[in-house]
Amino acid sequence: MPVYNVERYLSKCIDSIINQSYKNLEIILVNDGSVDSSGEICEAYSKKIRE
């Protein structure tokens, strides 16, 4: 999923993907140089999912 300056919507979007009934998936977030906190949000989800 492309990520560029979408901190306002990113958590809702990722949560929507995670909460689908289909669970055998891989989420790839591509942060293309965001200047907002989108990158930090991606990192937080990455750590949360690995736990």
Protein backbone atom coordinates (compact mmCIF):
# COMPACT_ATOMS: atom_id res chain seq x y z
CA MET A 1 0.00 0.00 0.00
CA PRO A 2 1.51 3.37 -0.90
CA VAL A 3 1.95 5.74 2.00
CA TYR A 4 2.64 9.44 1.47
CA ASN A 5 1.51 12.10 3.96
CA VAL A 6 -1.62 10.22 5.03
CA GLU A 7 -1.19 10.22 8.80
CA ARG A 8 -4.77 11.37 9.18
CA TYR A 9 -6.18 8.23 7.51
CA LEU A 10 -3.43 5.65 7.85
CA SER A 11 -4.44 3.96 11.11
CA LYS A 12 -8.05 3.57 9.99
CA CYS A 13 -6.90 2.08 6.68
CA ILE A 14 -4.45 -0.38 8.26
CA ASP A 15 -7.01 -1.41 10.89
CA SER A 16 -9.52 -2.06 8.12
CA ILE A 17 -7.07 -4.37 6.36
CA ILE A 18 -6.13 -6.19 9.58
CA ASN A 19 -9.76 -6.72 10.59
CA GLN A 20 -10.83 -8.44 7.38
CA SER A 21 -12.15 -11.97 7.69
CA TYR A 22 -9.39 -13.23 5.38
CA LYS A 23 -6.32 -13.58 7.60
CA ASN A 24 -3.72 -15.15 5.30
CA LEU A 25 -2.29 -11.92 3.92
CA GLU A 26 0.81 -9.82 3.96
CA ILE A 27 0.59 -6.06 4.27
CA ILE A 28 3.36 -4.11 2.58
CA LEU A 29 3.46 -0.41 3.38
CA VAL A 30 5.68 1.70 1.13
CA ASN A 31 6.50 5.07 2.67
CA ASP A 32 7.69 7.29 -0.17
CA GLY A 33 9.30 10.10 1.81
CA SER A 34 6.39 11.36 3.86
CA VAL A 35 7.08 14.54 5.79
CA ASP A 36 4.34 13.88 8.35
CA SER A 37 4.25 11.07 10.93
CA SER A 38 3.12 8.39 8.45
CA GLY A 39 6.48 6.61 8.73
CA GLU A 40 6.26 6.42 12.51
CA ILE A 41 2.73 5.02 12.26
CA CYS A 42 3.96 2.32 9.87
CA GLU A 43 6.78 1.42 12.26
CA ALA A 44 4.37 1.23 15.20
CA TYR A 45 2.09 -1.17 13.34
CA SER A 46 5.05 -3.24 12.24
CA LYS A 47 6.15 -3.70 15.85
CA LYS A 48 2.57 -4.33 17.03
CA ILE A 49 1.92 -7.05 14.44
CA ARG A 50 5.21 -8.85 15.14
CA GLU A 51 4.31 -9.30 18.83
